[in-house]
C-alpha atoms as a PDB file:
ATOM      1  CA  MET A   1      44.312 109.174  78.764  1.00  0.00           C
ATOM      2  CA  ASN A   2      44.829 111.835  76.104  1.00  0.00           C
ATOM      3  CA  ALA A   3      42.586 113.166  73.384  1.00  0.00           C
ATOM      4  CA  LYS A   4      44.179 113.909  70.013  1.00  0.00           C
ATOM      5  CA  ILE A   5      42.583 116.459  67.686  1.00  0.00           C
ATOM      6  CA  VAL A   6      44.094 117.251  64.271  1.00  0.00           C
ATOM      7  CA  PHE A   7      43.388 120.475  62.360  1.00  0.00           C
ATOM      8  CA  ASN A   8      44.054 120.330  58.596  1.00  0.00           C
ATOM      9  CA  GLN A   9      42.643 123.647  57.367  1.00  0.00           C
ATOM     10  CA  ALA A  10      44.345 124.975  54.219  1.00  0.00           C
ATOM     11  CA  GLY A  11      45.919 128.424  54.026  1.00  0.00           C
ATOM     12  CA  ASP A  12      48.559 130.332  55.954  1.00  0.00           C
ATOM     13  CA  PHE A  13      48.056 129.833  59.696  1.00  0.00           C
ATOM     14  CA  SER A  14      44.482 128.491  59.165  1.00  0.00           C
ATOM     15  CA  ALA A  15      45.069 125.206  61.006  1.00  0.00           C
ATOM     16  CA  MET A  16      46.731 127.051  63.895  1.00  0.00           C
ATOM     17  CA  GLN A  17      43.879 129.546  64.088  1.00  0.00           C
ATOM     18  CA  ALA A  18      41.331 126.708  64.098  1.00  0.00           C
ATOM     19  CA  ALA A  19      43.241 125.001  66.932  1.00  0.00           C
ATOM     20  CA  GLU A  20      43.362 128.253  68.899  1.00  0.00           C
ATOM     21  CA  GLN A  21      39.612 128.728  68.348  1.00  0.00           C
ATOM     22  CA  TRP A  22      38.978 125.201  69.640  1.00  0.00           C
ATOM     23  CA  CYS A  23      41.005 126.063  72.738  1.00  0.00           C
ATOM     24  CA  ARG A  24      39.018 129.264  73.374  1.00  0.00           C
ATOM     25  CA  GLU A  25      35.711 127.402  72.944  1.00  0.00           C
ATOM     26  CA  ASN A  26      36.835 124.735  75.413  1.00  0.00           C
ATOM     27  CA  ASP A  27      38.369 127.051  78.050  1.00  0.00           C
ATOM     28  CA  VAL A  28      41.933 125.956  77.327  1.00  0.00           C
ATOM     29  CA  SER A  29      44.770 128.502  77.420  1.00  0.00           C
ATOM     30  CA  TYR A  30      47.621 128.117  74.929  1.00  0.00           C
ATOM     31  CA  GLY A  31      51.224 129.270  75.075  1.00  0.00           C
ATOM     32  CA  SER A  32      53.157 131.560  72.791  1.00  0.00           C
ATOM     33  CA  THR A  33      54.544 130.233  69.534  1.00  0.00           C
ATOM     34  CA  GLN A  34      58.200 129.318  69.275  1.00  0.00           C
ATOM     35  CA  MET A  35      59.383 127.939  65.947  1.00  0.00           C
ATOM     36  CA  GLY A  36      60.029 124.208  66.060  1.00  0.00           C
ATOM     37  CA  ASN A  37      58.642 123.682  69.573  1.00  0.00           C
ATOM     38  CA  PRO A  38      55.286 122.738  71.099  1.00  0.00           C
ATOM     39  CA  ARG A  39      52.887 125.213  72.658  1.00  0.00           C
ATOM     40  CA  GLY A  40      51.754 124.401  76.178  1.00  0.00           C
ATOM     41  CA  LEU A  41      48.055 123.965  76.993  1.00  0.00           C
ATOM     42  CA  VAL A  42      46.399 124.507  80.382  1.00  0.00           C
ATOM     43  CA  ARG A  43      42.701 124.300  81.258  1.00  0.00           C
ATOM     44  CA  GLY A  44      41.296 127.632  82.401  1.00  0.00           C
ATOM     45  CA  GLU A  45      42.647 131.159  82.200  1.00  0.00           C
ATOM     46  CA  CYS A  46      46.435 131.097  82.316  1.00  0.00           C
ATOM     47  CA  ASP A  47      49.474 132.834  80.801  1.00  0.00           C
ATOM     48  CA  ILE A  48      51.873 130.272  79.352  1.00  0.00           C
ATOM     49  CA  SER A  49      55.433 131.128  78.336  1.00  0.00           C
ATOM     50  CA  LYS A  50      57.254 130.006  75.243  1.00  0.00           C
ATOM     51  CA  TRP A  51      58.455 126.405  75.462  1.00  0.00           C
ATOM     52  CA  ARG A  52      62.091 127.421  76.045  1.00  0.00           C
ATOM     53  CA  ASN A  53      61.080 129.370  79.145  1.00  0.00           C
ATOM     54  CA  LEU A  54      59.169 126.500  80.783  1.00  0.00           C
ATOM     55  CA  SER A  55      60.876 124.479  83.506  1.00  0.00           C
ATOM     56  CA  ARG A  56      60.604 120.698  83.655  1.00  0.00           C
ATOM     57  CA  GLN A  57      58.061 121.132  86.440  1.00  0.00           C
ATOM     58  CA  ASP A  58      56.044 123.603  84.319  1.00  0.00           C
ATOM     59  CA  ILE A  59      56.001 121.100  81.436  1.00  0.00           C
ATOM     60  CA  ALA A  60      54.919 118.269  83.757  1.00  0.00           C
ATOM     61  CA  GLU A  61      51.999 120.389  84.980  1.00  0.00           C
ATOM     62  CA  LEU A  62      50.658 121.176  81.484  1.00  0.00           C
ATOM     63  CA  ASP A  63      47.331 119.665  80.451  1.00  0.00           C
ATOM     64  CA  GLY A  64      48.599 119.152  76.909  1.00  0.00           C
ATOM     65  CA  THR A  65      50.454 120.493  73.893  1.00  0.00           C
ATOM     66  CA  MET A  66      49.792 121.975  70.472  1.00  0.00           C
ATOM     67  CA  THR A  67      52.281 120.786  67.822  1.00  0.00           C
ATOM     68  CA  GLY A  68      52.768 120.851  64.071  1.00  0.00           C
ATOM     69  CA  ASP A  69      53.472 123.314  61.296  1.00  0.00           C
ATOM     70  CA  MET A  70      51.778 126.446  62.600  1.00  0.00           C
ATOM     71  CA  ARG A  71      52.009 128.169  59.198  1.00  0.00           C
ATOM     72  CA  ASN A  72      50.917 125.382  56.841  1.00  0.00           C
ATOM     73  CA  GLY A  73      49.321 122.740  59.095  1.00  0.00           C
ATOM     74  CA  PRO A  74      48.438 120.240  60.156  1.00  0.00           C
ATOM     75  CA  VAL A  75      48.305 121.246  63.819  1.00  0.00           C
ATOM     76  CA  THR A  76      47.651 118.642  66.508  1.00  0.00           C
ATOM     77  CA  ILE A  77      46.289 119.152  70.001  1.00  0.00           C
ATOM     78  CA  ASN A  78      47.138 116.438  72.529  1.00  0.00           C
ATOM     79  CA  ILE A  79      45.321 117.058  75.779  1.00  0.00           C
ATOM     80  CA  LYS A  80      44.426 115.080  78.877  1.00  0.00           C
ATOM     81  CA  THR A  81      40.925 113.726  78.467  1.00  0.00           C
ATOM     82  CA  ILE A  82      38.169 116.222  79.247  1.00  0.00           C
ATOM     83  CA  GLU A  83      34.739 116.829  77.767  1.00  0.00           C
ATOM     84  CA  VAL A  84      35.469 118.336  74.371  1.00  0.00           C
ATOM     85  CA  ALA A  85      33.497 119.829  71.510  1.00  0.00           C
ATOM     86  CA  VAL A  86      34.894 118.535  68.234  1.00  0.00           C
END
């Protein structure tokens, strides 16, 4: 089961920054941005490549994704169910 969290903060990159802050507070690593593609999410400390550099196996092993308009929002986190602070 997945949890879905939507960030709607106004202002350039504000929703993305709020989503990244949520990830840091919940020990979730996030991948590099790549225009028009998701960002991978993995629980714990991890370096995650841009989406185009991930193999099918890498994608299958992700704990979730961050999607949306990173500049203007909204940004959505979809992550396998864990205890989360919202």
